[in-house]
Amino acid sequence: ANAGAPGVDGVSFAQIEDQGLEAWLAGLREDLVTKTYRPD
């Protein structure tokens, strides 16, 4: 809802949803749960 430009990885909201939001959210959650998440 806040929109905004992509960050350093160049990934946009449109790209995330084109590639599959569910899989993207699942991957992000997995990184958090396994403590492997690191900010860009």
Full PDB file with SEQRES, HELIX, SHEET, SSBOND, CRYST1, ORIGX, SCALE, CONECT and MASTER records, all heavy atoms in Angstrom:
SEQRES   1 A   40  ALA ASN ALA GLY ALA PRO GLY VAL ASP GLY VAL SER PHE          
SEQRES   2 A   40  ALA GLN ILE GLU ASP GLN GLY LEU GLU ALA TRP LEU ALA          
SEQRES   3 A   40  GLY LEU ARG GLU ASP LEU VAL THR LYS THR TYR ARG PRO          
SEQRES   4 A   40  ASP                                                          
HELIX    1 AA1 PHE A   13  GLN A   19  1                                   7    
HELIX    2 AA2 LEU A   21  VAL A   33  1                                  13    
CRYST1    1.000    1.000    1.000  90.00  90.00  90.00 P 1           1          
ORIGX1      1.000000  0.000000  0.000000        0.00000                         
ORIGX2      0.000000  1.000000  0.000000        0.00000                         
ORIGX3      0.000000  0.000000  1.000000        0.00000                         
SCALE1      1.000000  0.000000  0.000000        0.00000                         
SCALE2      0.000000  1.000000  0.000000        0.00000                         
SCALE3      0.000000  0.000000  1.000000        0.00000                         
ATOM      1  N   ALA A   1       0.824  -1.211   0.000  1.00  0.00           N  
ATOM      2  CA  ALA A   1       0.000   0.000   0.000  1.00  0.00           C  
ATOM      3  C   ALA A   1       0.854   1.255   0.000  1.00  0.00           C  
ATOM      4  O   ALA A   1       0.477   2.272  -0.582  1.00  0.00           O  
ATOM      5  CB  ALA A   1      -0.938  -0.003   1.206  1.00  0.00           C  
ATOM      6  N   ASN A   2       1.994   1.180   0.654  1.00  0.00           N  
ATOM      7  CA  ASN A   2       2.903   2.336   0.694  1.00  0.00           C  
ATOM      8  C   ASN A   2       3.740   2.460  -0.581  1.00  0.00           C  
ATOM      9  O   ASN A   2       4.443   3.471  -0.753  1.00  0.00           O  
ATOM     10  CB  ASN A   2       3.830   2.237   1.906  1.00  0.00           C  
ATOM     11  CG  ASN A   2       3.084   2.466   3.211  1.00  0.00           C  
ATOM     12  OD1 ASN A   2       2.126   3.234   3.261  1.00  0.00           O  
ATOM     13  ND2 ASN A   2       3.520   1.799   4.266  1.00  0.00           N  
ATOM     14  N   ALA A   3       3.690   1.431  -1.411  1.00  0.00           N  
ATOM     15  CA  ALA A   3       4.411   1.416  -2.691  1.00  0.00           C  
ATOM     16  C   ALA A   3       5.904   1.672  -2.447  1.00  0.00           C  
ATOM     17  O   ALA A   3       6.511   1.088  -1.578  1.00  0.00           O  
ATOM     18  CB  ALA A   3       3.802   2.416  -3.660  1.00  0.00           C  
ATOM     19  N   GLY A   4       6.492   2.550  -3.187  1.00  0.00           N  
ATOM     20  CA  GLY A   4       7.912   2.825  -3.047  1.00  0.00           C  
ATOM     21  C   GLY A   4       8.753   2.094  -4.077  1.00  0.00           C  
ATOM     22  O   GLY A   4       8.355   1.068  -4.644  1.00  0.00           O  
ATOM     23  N   ALA A   5       9.931   2.626  -4.311  1.00  0.00           N  
ATOM     24  CA  ALA A   5      10.836   2.076  -5.315  1.00  0.00           C  
ATOM     25  C   ALA A   5      11.532   0.820  -4.795  1.00  0.00           C  
ATOM     26  O   ALA A   5      11.611   0.594  -3.589  1.00  0.00           O  
ATOM     27  CB  ALA A   5      11.872   3.128  -5.709  1.00  0.00           C  
ATOM     28  N   PRO A   6      12.053   0.004  -5.697  1.00  0.00           N  
ATOM     29  CA  PRO A   6      12.816  -1.179  -5.266  1.00  0.00           C  
ATOM     30  C   PRO A   6      14.091  -0.777  -4.531  1.00  0.00           C  
ATOM     31  O   PRO A   6      14.590   0.336  -4.674  1.00  0.00           O  
ATOM     32  CB  PRO A   6      13.142  -1.893  -6.585  1.00  0.00           C  
ATOM     33  CG  PRO A   6      12.164  -1.353  -7.580  1.00  0.00           C  
ATOM     34  CD  PRO A   6      11.877   0.052  -7.156  1.00  0.00           C  
ATOM     35  N   GLY A   7      14.622  -1.720  -3.748  1.00  0.00           N  
ATOM     36  CA  GLY A   7      15.879  -1.499  -3.055  1.00  0.00           C  
ATOM     37  C   GLY A   7      17.063  -1.896  -3.913  1.00  0.00           C  
ATOM     38  O   GLY A   7      16.984  -1.930  -5.146  1.00  0.00           O  
ATOM     39  N   VAL A   8      18.173  -2.228  -3.267  1.00  0.00           N  
ATOM     40  CA  VAL A   8      19.401  -2.529  -4.001  1.00  0.00           C  
ATOM     41  C   VAL A   8      19.285  -3.782  -4.849  1.00  0.00           C  
ATOM     42  O   VAL A   8      20.022  -3.941  -5.829  1.00  0.00           O  
ATOM     43  CB  VAL A   8      20.599  -2.670  -3.027  1.00  0.00           C  
ATOM     44  CG1 VAL A   8      20.886  -1.361  -2.318  1.00  0.00           C  
ATOM     45  CG2 VAL A   8      20.365  -3.797  -2.014  1.00  0.00           C  
ATOM     46  N   ASP A   9      18.365  -4.689  -4.517  1.00  0.00           N  
ATOM     47  CA  ASP A   9      18.216  -5.920  -5.303  1.00  0.00           C  
ATOM     48  C   ASP A   9      17.392  -5.722  -6.565  1.00  0.00           C  
ATOM     49  O   ASP A   9      17.324  -6.613  -7.411  1.00  0.00           O  
ATOM     50  CB  ASP A   9      17.624  -7.043  -4.459  1.00  0.00           C  
ATOM     51  CG  ASP A   9      16.233  -6.698  -3.909  1.00  0.00           C  
ATOM     52  OD1 ASP A   9      15.737  -5.582  -4.174  1.00  0.00           O  
ATOM     53  OD2 ASP A   9      15.652  -7.553  -3.204  1.00  0.00           O  
ATOM     54  N   GLY A  10      16.747  -4.549  -6.692  1.00  0.00           N  
ATOM     55  CA  GLY A  10      15.959  -4.249  -7.880  1.00  0.00           C  
ATOM     56  C   GLY A  10      14.628  -4.964  -7.970  1.00  0.00           C  
ATOM     57  O   GLY A  10      13.926  -4.862  -8.981  1.00  0.00           O  
ATOM     58  N   VAL A  11      14.244  -5.696  -6.936  1.00  0.00           N  
ATOM     59  CA  VAL A  11      13.008  -6.476  -6.953  1.00  0.00           C  
ATOM     60  C   VAL A  11      11.823  -5.563  -6.647  1.00  0.00           C  
ATOM     61  O   VAL A  11      11.811  -4.859  -5.633  1.00  0.00           O  
ATOM     62  CB  VAL A  11      13.072  -7.626  -5.941  1.00  0.00           C  
ATOM     63  CG1 VAL A  11      11.746  -8.383  -5.904  1.00  0.00           C  
ATOM     64  CG2 VAL A  11      14.207  -8.578  -6.296  1.00  0.00           C  
ATOM     65  N   SER A  12      10.803  -5.587  -7.505  1.00  0.00           N  
ATOM     66  CA  SER A  12       9.605  -4.779  -7.333  1.00  0.00           C  
ATOM     67  C   SER A  12       8.452  -5.645  -6.847  1.00  0.00           C  
ATOM     68  O   SER A  12       8.522  -6.882  -6.875  1.00  0.00           O  
ATOM     69  CB  SER A  12       9.222  -4.104  -8.648  1.00  0.00           C  
ATOM     70  OG  SER A  12       8.840  -5.078  -9.620  1.00  0.00           O  
ATOM     71  N   PHE A  13       7.369  -5.009  -6.420  1.00  0.00           N  
ATOM     72  CA  PHE A  13       6.178  -5.749  -6.006  1.00  0.00           C  
ATOM     73  C   PHE A  13       5.601  -6.550  -7.170  1.00  0.00           C  
ATOM     74  O   PHE A  13       5.138  -7.680  -6.987  1.00  0.00           O  
ATOM     75  CB  PHE A  13       5.122  -4.784  -5.460  1.00  0.00           C  
ATOM     76  CG  PHE A  13       5.467  -4.205  -4.122  1.00  0.00           C  
ATOM     77  CD1 PHE A  13       5.928  -2.902  -4.008  1.00  0.00           C  
ATOM     78  CD2 PHE A  13       5.331  -4.962  -2.970  1.00  0.00           C  
ATOM     79  CE1 PHE A  13       6.240  -2.360  -2.772  1.00  0.00           C  
ATOM     80  CE2 PHE A  13       5.644  -4.432  -1.717  1.00  0.00           C  
ATOM     81  CZ  PHE A  13       6.111  -3.121  -1.625  1.00  0.00           C  
ATOM     82  N   ALA A  14       5.629  -5.974  -8.362  1.00  0.00           N  
ATOM     83  CA  ALA A  14       5.106  -6.673  -9.541  1.00  0.00           C  
ATOM     84  C   ALA A  14       5.879  -7.964  -9.797  1.00  0.00           C  
ATOM     85  O   ALA A  14       5.282  -9.007 -10.111  1.00  0.00           O  
ATOM     86  CB  ALA A  14       5.167  -5.758 -10.758  1.00  0.00           C  
ATOM     87  N   GLN A  15       7.194  -7.917  -9.642  1.00  0.00           N  
ATOM     88  CA  GLN A  15       8.003  -9.112  -9.855  1.00  0.00           C  
ATOM     89  C   GLN A  15       7.695 -10.183  -8.822  1.00  0.00           C  
ATOM     90  O   GLN A  15       7.614 -11.373  -9.149  1.00  0.00           O  
ATOM     91  CB  GLN A  15       9.490  -8.753  -9.811  1.00  0.00           C  
ATOM     92  CG  GLN A  15       9.973  -7.951 -11.009  1.00  0.00           C  
ATOM     93  CD  GLN A  15      11.414  -7.510 -10.851  1.00  0.00           C  
ATOM     94  OE1 GLN A  15      11.770  -6.828  -9.895  1.00  0.00           O  
ATOM     95  NE2 GLN A  15      12.262  -7.898 -11.778  1.00  0.00           N  
ATOM     96  N   ILE A  16       7.523  -9.763  -7.573  1.00  0.00           N  
ATOM     97  CA  ILE A  16       7.208 -10.723  -6.512  1.00  0.00           C  
ATOM     98  C   ILE A  16       5.902 -11.440  -6.821  1.00  0.00           C  
ATOM     99  O   ILE A  16       5.806 -12.665  -6.710  1.00  0.00           O  
ATOM    100  CB  ILE A  16       7.129 -10.001  -5.147  1.00  0.00           C  
ATOM    101  CG1 ILE A  16       8.523  -9.524  -4.723  1.00  0.00           C  
ATOM    102  CG2 ILE A  16       6.535 -10.921  -4.084  1.00  0.00           C  
ATOM    103  CD1 ILE A  16       8.521  -8.646  -3.485  1.00  0.00           C  
ATOM    104  N   GLU A  17       4.887 -10.697  -7.230  1.00  0.00           N  
ATOM    105  CA  GLU A  17       3.589 -11.306  -7.475  1.00  0.00           C  
ATOM    106  C   GLU A  17       3.571 -12.097  -8.775  1.00  0.00           C  
ATOM    107  O   GLU A  17       2.846 -13.087  -8.876  1.00  0.00           O  
ATOM    108  CB  GLU A  17       2.521 -10.219  -7.446  1.00  0.00           C  
ATOM    109  CG  GLU A  17       2.454  -9.525  -6.088  1.00  0.00           C  
ATOM    110  CD  GLU A  17       1.266  -8.637  -5.877  1.00  0.00           C  
ATOM    111  OE1 GLU A  17       0.415  -8.568  -6.791  1.00  0.00           O  
ATOM    112  OE2 GLU A  17       1.171  -8.005  -4.800  1.00  0.00           O  
ATOM    113  N   ASP A  18       4.362 -11.694  -9.733  1.00  0.00           N  
ATOM    114  CA  ASP A  18       4.466 -12.479 -10.968  1.00  0.00           C  
ATOM    115  C   ASP A  18       5.099 -13.838 -10.713  1.00  0.00           C  
ATOM    116  O   ASP A  18       4.713 -14.857 -11.298  1.00  0.00           O  
ATOM    117  CB  ASP A  18       5.276 -11.719 -12.018  1.00  0.00           C  
ATOM    118  CG  ASP A  18       4.506 -10.562 -12.624  1.00  0.00           C  
ATOM    119  OD1 ASP A  18       3.263 -10.516 -12.470  1.00  0.00           O  
ATOM    120  OD2 ASP A  18       5.146  -9.681 -13.237  1.00  0.00           O  
ATOM    121  N   GLN A  19       6.077 -13.853  -9.819  1.00  0.00           N  
ATOM    122  CA  GLN A  19       6.802 -15.092  -9.526  1.00  0.00           C  
ATOM    123  C   GLN A  19       6.111 -15.945  -8.459  1.00  0.00           C  
ATOM    124  O   GLN A  19       6.493 -17.079  -8.242  1.00  0.00           O  
ATOM    125  CB  GLN A  19       8.232 -14.765  -9.111  1.00  0.00           C  
ATOM    126  CG  GLN A  19       9.052 -14.115 -10.223  1.00  0.00           C  
ATOM    127  CD  GLN A  19      10.403 -13.599  -9.745  1.00  0.00           C  
ATOM    128  OE1 GLN A  19      10.823 -13.861  -8.608  1.00  0.00           O  
ATOM    129  NE2 GLN A  19      11.090 -12.859 -10.613  1.00  0.00           N  
ATOM    130  N   GLY A  20       5.102 -15.366  -7.781  1.00  0.00           N  
ATOM    131  CA  GLY A  20       4.348 -16.124  -6.786  1.00  0.00           C  
ATOM    132  C   GLY A  20       4.534 -15.574  -5.385  1.00  0.00           C  
ATOM    133  O   GLY A  20       5.575 -15.803  -4.760  1.00  0.00           O  
ATOM    134  N   LEU A  21       3.532 -14.852  -4.894  1.00  0.00           N  
ATOM    135  CA  LEU A  21       3.617 -14.227  -3.576  1.00  0.00           C  
ATOM    136  C   LEU A  21       3.706 -15.267  -2.464  1.00  0.00           C  
ATOM    137  O   LEU A  21       4.461 -15.102  -1.503  1.00  0.00           O  
ATOM    138  CB  LEU A  21       2.408 -13.310  -3.350  1.00  0.00           C  
ATOM    139  CG  LEU A  21       2.282 -12.672  -1.966  1.00  0.00           C  
ATOM    140  CD1 LEU A  21       3.508 -11.825  -1.645  1.00  0.00           C  
ATOM    141  CD2 LEU A  21       1.007 -11.841  -1.865  1.00  0.00           C  
ATOM    142  N   GLU A  22       2.931 -16.354  -2.589  1.00  0.00           N  
ATOM    143  CA  GLU A  22       2.906 -17.362  -1.539  1.00  0.00           C  
ATOM    144  C   GLU A  22       4.284 -17.964  -1.321  1.00  0.00           C  
ATOM    145  O   GLU A  22       4.744 -18.132  -0.190  1.00  0.00           O  
ATOM    146  CB  GLU A  22       1.893 -18.459  -1.891  1.00  0.00           C  
ATOM    147  CG  GLU A  22       0.456 -17.975  -1.992  1.00  0.00           C  
ATOM    148  CD  GLU A  22      -0.029 -17.359  -0.692  1.00  0.00           C  
ATOM    149  OE1 GLU A  22       0.350 -17.891   0.374  1.00  0.00           O  
ATOM    150  OE2 GLU A  22      -0.775 -16.354  -0.744  1.00  0.00           O  
ATOM    151  N   ALA A  23       4.959 -18.297  -2.416  1.00  0.00           N  
ATOM    152  CA  ALA A  23       6.295 -18.868  -2.305  1.00  0.00           C  
ATOM    153  C   ALA A  23       7.282 -17.859  -1.729  1.00  0.00           C  
ATOM    154  O   ALA A  23       8.169 -18.213  -0.937  1.00  0.00           O  
ATOM    155  CB  ALA A  23       6.769 -19.356  -3.673  1.00  0.00           C  
ATOM    156  N   TRP A  24       7.125 -16.589  -2.127  1.00  0.00           N  
ATOM    157  CA  TRP A  24       8.013 -15.537  -1.628  1.00  0.00           C  
ATOM    158  C   TRP A  24       7.849 -15.362  -0.124  1.00  0.00           C  
ATOM    159  O   TRP A  24       8.847 -15.273   0.616  1.00  0.00           O  
ATOM    160  CB  TRP A  24       7.710 -14.231  -2.362  1.00  0.00           C  
ATOM    161  CG  TRP A  24       8.670 -13.123  -2.060  1.00  0.00           C  
ATOM    162  CD1 TRP A  24       9.858 -12.859  -2.683  1.00  0.00           C  
ATOM    163  CD2 TRP A  24       8.515 -12.114  -1.052  1.00  0.00           C  
ATOM    164  NE1 TRP A  24      10.454 -11.748  -2.137  1.00  0.00           N  
ATOM    165  CE2 TRP A  24       9.648 -11.270  -1.121  1.00  0.00           C  
ATOM    166  CE3 TRP A  24       7.537 -11.848  -0.103  1.00  0.00           C  
ATOM    167  CZ2 TRP A  24       9.824 -10.176  -0.281  1.00  0.00           C  
ATOM    168  CZ3 TRP A  24       7.712 -10.754   0.755  1.00  0.00           C  
ATOM    169  CH2 TRP A  24       8.838  -9.947   0.654  1.00  0.00           C  
ATOM    170  N   LEU A  25       6.611 -15.311   0.348  1.00  0.00           N  
ATOM    171  CA  LEU A  25       6.356 -15.161   1.785  1.00  0.00           C  
ATOM    172  C   LEU A  25       6.856 -16.379   2.553  1.00  0.00           C  
ATOM    173  O   LEU A  25       7.419 -16.256   3.644  1.00  0.00           O  
ATOM    174  CB  LEU A  25       4.864 -14.957   2.040  1.00  0.00           C  
ATOM    175  CG  LEU A  25       4.290 -13.573   1.694  1.00  0.00           C  
ATOM    176  CD1 LEU A  25       2.768 -13.579   1.824  1.00  0.00           C  
ATOM    177  CD2 LEU A  25       4.885 -12.498   2.611  1.00  0.00           C  
ATOM    178  N   ALA A  26       6.663 -17.568   1.976  1.00  0.00           N  
ATOM    179  CA  ALA A  26       7.123 -18.797   2.634  1.00  0.00           C  
ATOM    180  C   ALA A  26       8.645 -18.799   2.762  1.00  0.00           C  
ATOM    181  O   ALA A  26       9.191 -19.208   3.795  1.00  0.00           O  
ATOM    182  CB  ALA A  26       6.649 -20.020   1.852  1.00  0.00           C  
ATOM    183  N   GLY A  27       9.329 -18.341   1.721  1.00  0.00           N  
ATOM    184  CA  GLY A  27      10.784 -18.275   1.770  1.00  0.00           C  
ATOM    185  C   GLY A  27      11.283 -17.280   2.797  1.00  0.00           C  
ATOM    186  O   GLY A  27      12.255 -17.542   3.525  1.00  0.00           O  
ATOM    187  N   LEU A  28      10.623 -16.150   2.873  1.00  0.00           N  
ATOM    188  CA  LEU A  28      10.999 -15.140   3.853  1.00  0.00           C  
ATOM    189  C   LEU A  28      10.783 -15.658   5.276  1.00  0.00           C  
ATOM    190  O   LEU A  28      11.636 -15.486   6.155  1.00  0.00           O  
ATOM    191  CB  LEU A  28      10.195 -13.865   3.619  1.00  0.00           C  
ATOM    192  CG  LEU A  28      10.438 -12.710   4.597  1.00  0.00           C  
ATOM    193  CD1 LEU A  28      11.904 -12.285   4.599  1.00  0.00           C  
ATOM    194  CD2 LEU A  28       9.533 -11.517   4.265  1.00  0.00           C  
ATOM    195  N   ARG A  29       9.654 -16.304   5.492  1.00  0.00           N  
ATOM    196  CA  ARG A  29       9.376 -16.853   6.815  1.00  0.00           C  
ATOM    197  C   ARG A  29      10.393 -17.920   7.187  1.00  0.00           C  
ATOM    198  O   ARG A  29      10.844 -17.989   8.338  1.00  0.00           O  
ATOM    199  CB  ARG A  29       7.953 -17.437   6.858  1.00  0.00           C  
ATOM    200  CG  ARG A  29       7.546 -17.936   8.241  1.00  0.00           C  
ATOM    201  CD  ARG A  29       6.085 -18.333   8.289  1.00  0.00           C  
ATOM    202  NE  ARG A  29       5.713 -18.717   9.634  1.00  0.00           N  
ATOM    203  CZ  ARG A  29       5.847 -19.940  10.140  1.00  0.00           C  
ATOM    204  NH1 ARG A  29       6.323 -20.908   9.367  1.00  0.00           N  
ATOM    205  NH2 ARG A  29       5.501 -20.198  11.396  1.00  0.00           N  
ATOM    206  N   GLU A  30      10.782 -18.742   6.238  1.00  0.00           N  
ATOM    207  CA  GLU A  30      11.778 -19.779   6.486  1.00  0.00           C  
ATOM    208  C   GLU A  30      13.110 -19.162   6.917  1.00  0.00           C  
ATOM    209  O   GLU A  30      13.759 -19.653   7.842  1.00  0.00           O  
ATOM    210  CB  GLU A  30      11.962 -20.635   5.229  1.00  0.00           C  
ATOM    211  CG  GLU A  30      13.020 -21.726   5.354  1.00  0.00           C  
ATOM    212  CD  GLU A  30      12.639 -22.811   6.337  1.00  0.00           C  
ATOM    213  OE1 GLU A  30      11.434 -22.935   6.686  1.00  0.00           O  
ATOM    214  OE2 GLU A  30      13.558 -23.562   6.762  1.00  0.00           O  
ATOM    215  N   ASP A  31      13.501 -18.076   6.257  1.00  0.00           N  
ATOM    216  CA  ASP A  31      14.737 -17.386   6.628  1.00  0.00           C  
ATOM    217  C   ASP A  31      14.664 -16.842   8.059  1.00  0.00           C  
ATOM    218  O   ASP A  31      15.649 -16.886   8.803  1.00  0.00           O  
ATOM    219  CB  ASP A  31      15.018 -16.232   5.659  1.00  0.00           C  
ATOM    220  CG  ASP A  31      15.443 -16.723   4.284  1.00  0.00           C  
ATOM    221  OD1 ASP A  31      15.799 -17.911   4.155  1.00  0.00           O  
ATOM    222  OD2 ASP A  31      15.397 -15.912   3.334  1.00  0.00           O  
ATOM    223  N   LEU A  32      13.492 -16.333   8.438  1.00  0.00           N  
ATOM    224  CA  LEU A  32      13.334 -15.805   9.789  1.00  0.00           C  
ATOM    225  C   LEU A  32      13.337 -16.920  10.827  1.00  0.00           C  
ATOM    226  O   LEU A  32      14.010 -16.831  11.865  1.00  0.00           O  
ATOM    227  CB  LEU A  32      12.031 -14.992   9.889  1.00  0.00           C  
ATOM    228  CG  LEU A  32      12.016 -13.636   9.183  1.00  0.00           C  
ATOM    229  CD1 LEU A  32      10.595 -13.086   9.111  1.00  0.00           C  
ATOM    230  CD2 LEU A  32      12.928 -12.641   9.891  1.00  0.00           C  
ATOM    231  N   VAL A  33      12.600 -17.972  10.563  1.00  0.00           N  
ATOM    232  CA  VAL A  33      12.484 -19.070  11.518  1.00  0.00           C  
ATOM    233  C   VAL A  33      13.837 -19.747  11.741  1.00  0.00           C  
ATOM    234  O   VAL A  33      14.192 -20.105  12.869  1.00  0.00           O  
ATOM    235  CB  VAL A  33      11.429 -20.086  11.037  1.00  0.00           C  
ATOM    236  CG1 VAL A  33      11.462 -21.344  11.912  1.00  0.00           C  
ATOM    237  CG2 VAL A  33      10.036 -19.459  11.068  1.00  0.00           C  
ATOM    238  N   THR A  34      14.595 -19.913  10.666  1.00  0.00           N  
ATOM    239  CA  THR A  34      15.891 -20.584  10.764  1.00  0.00           C  
ATOM    240  C   THR A  34      17.013 -19.632  11.167  1.00  0.00           C  
ATOM    241  O   THR A  34      18.180 -20.038  11.250  1.00  0.00           O  
ATOM    242  CB  THR A  34      16.255 -21.234   9.426  1.00  0.00           C  
ATOM    243  OG1 THR A  34      16.292 -20.231   8.394  1.00  0.00           O  
ATOM    244  CG2 THR A  34      15.236 -22.308   9.067  1.00  0.00           C  
ATOM    245  N   LYS A  35      16.680 -18.370  11.406  1.00  0.00           N  
ATOM    246  CA  LYS A  35      17.648 -17.340  11.832  1.00  0.00           C  
ATOM    247  C   LYS A  35      18.720 -17.067  10.782  1.00  0.00           C  
ATOM    248  O   LYS A  35      19.842 -16.650  11.119  1.00  0.00           O  
ATOM    249  CB  LYS A  35      18.316 -17.743  13.157  1.00  0.00           C  
ATOM    250  CG  LYS A  35      17.378 -18.221  14.251  1.00  0.00           C  
ATOM    251  CD  LYS A  35      16.464 -17.177  14.732  1.00  0.00           C  
ATOM    252  CE  LYS A  35      15.704 -17.586  16.002  1.00  0.00           C  
ATOM    253  NZ  LYS A  35      15.006 -18.861  15.951  1.00  0.00           N  
ATOM    254  N   THR A  36      18.376 -17.322   9.517  1.00  0.00           N  
ATOM    255  CA  THR A  36      19.326 -17.041   8.435  1.00  0.00           C  
ATOM    256  C   THR A  36      19.038 -15.707   7.745  1.00  0.00           C  
ATOM    257  O   THR A  36      19.769 -15.320   6.833  1.00  0.00           O  
ATOM    258  CB  THR A  36      19.303 -18.167   7.390  1.00  0.00           C  
ATOM    259  OG1 THR A  36      17.977 -18.323   6.878  1.00  0.00           O  
ATOM    260  CG2 THR A  36      19.770 -19.486   8.011  1.00  0.00           C  
ATOM    261  N   TYR A  37      17.991 -15.029   8.162  1.00  0.00           N  
ATOM    262  CA  TYR A  37      17.673 -13.729   7.570  1.00  0.00           C  
ATOM    263  C   TYR A  37      18.763 -12.711   7.871  1.00  0.00           C  
ATOM    264  O   TYR A  37      19.216 -12.585   9.013  1.00  0.00           O  
ATOM    265  CB  TYR A  37      16.327 -13.219   8.111  1.00  0.00           C  
ATOM    266  CG  TYR A  37      16.095 -11.748   7.866  1.00  0.00           C  
ATOM    267  CD1 TYR A  37      15.624 -11.289   6.638  1.00  0.00           C  
ATOM    268  CD2 TYR A  37      16.369 -10.804   8.853  1.00  0.00           C  
ATOM    269  CE1 TYR A  37      15.413  -9.942   6.405  1.00  0.00           C  
ATOM    270  CE2 TYR A  37      16.163  -9.452   8.630  1.00  0.00           C  
ATOM    271  CZ  TYR A  37      15.692  -9.030   7.409  1.00  0.00           C  
ATOM    272  OH  TYR A  37      15.505  -7.695   7.183  1.00  0.00           O  
ATOM    273  N   ARG A  38      19.200 -11.998   6.851  1.00  0.00           N  
ATOM    274  CA  ARG A  38      20.137 -10.890   6.985  1.00  0.00           C  
ATOM    275  C   ARG A  38      19.642  -9.744   6.095  1.00  0.00           C  
ATOM    276  O   ARG A  38      19.306  -9.960   4.930  1.00  0.00           O  
ATOM    277  CB  ARG A  38      21.553 -11.287   6.558  1.00  0.00           C  
ATOM    278  CG  ARG A  38      22.171 -12.392   7.400  1.00  0.00           C  
ATOM    279  CD  ARG A  38      22.450 -11.933   8.832  1.00  0.00           C  
ATOM    280  NE  ARG A  38      23.118 -12.970   9.613  1.00  0.00           N  
ATOM    281  CZ  ARG A  38      22.488 -13.950  10.259  1.00  0.00           C  
ATOM    282  NH1 ARG A  38      21.169 -14.040  10.216  1.00  0.00           N  
ATOM    283  NH2 ARG A  38      23.165 -14.856  10.944  1.00  0.00           N  
ATOM    284  N   PRO A  39      19.585  -8.547   6.616  1.00  0.00           N  
ATOM    285  CA  PRO A  39      19.108  -7.427   5.785  1.00  0.00           C  
ATOM    286  C   PRO A  39      20.094  -7.081   4.682  1.00  0.00           C  
ATOM    287  O   PRO A  39      21.310  -7.232   4.833  1.00  0.00           O  
ATOM    288  CB  PRO A  39      18.968  -6.279   6.787  1.00  0.00           C  
ATOM    289  CG  PRO A  39      19.906  -6.621   7.905  1.00  0.00           C  
ATOM    290  CD  PRO A  39      19.919  -8.120   7.987  1.00  0.00           C  
ATOM    291  N   ASP A  40      19.554  -6.606   3.570  1.00  0.00           N  
ATOM    292  CA  ASP A  40      20.371  -6.118   2.463  1.00  0.00           C  
ATOM    293  C   ASP A  40      20.826  -4.689   2.748  1.00  0.00           C  
ATOM    294  O   ASP A  40      20.262  -4.004   3.611  1.00  0.00           O  
ATOM    295  CB  ASP A  40      19.563  -6.144   1.166  1.00  0.00           C  
ATOM    296  CG  ASP A  40      19.189  -7.552   0.742  1.00  0.00           C  
ATOM    297  OD1 ASP A  40      20.106  -8.366   0.596  1.00  0.00           O  
ATOM    298  OD2 ASP A  40      17.978  -7.822   0.561  1.00  0.00           O  
TER     299      ASP A  40                                                      
MASTER        0    0    0    2    0    0    0    6  298    1    0    4          
END                                                                             
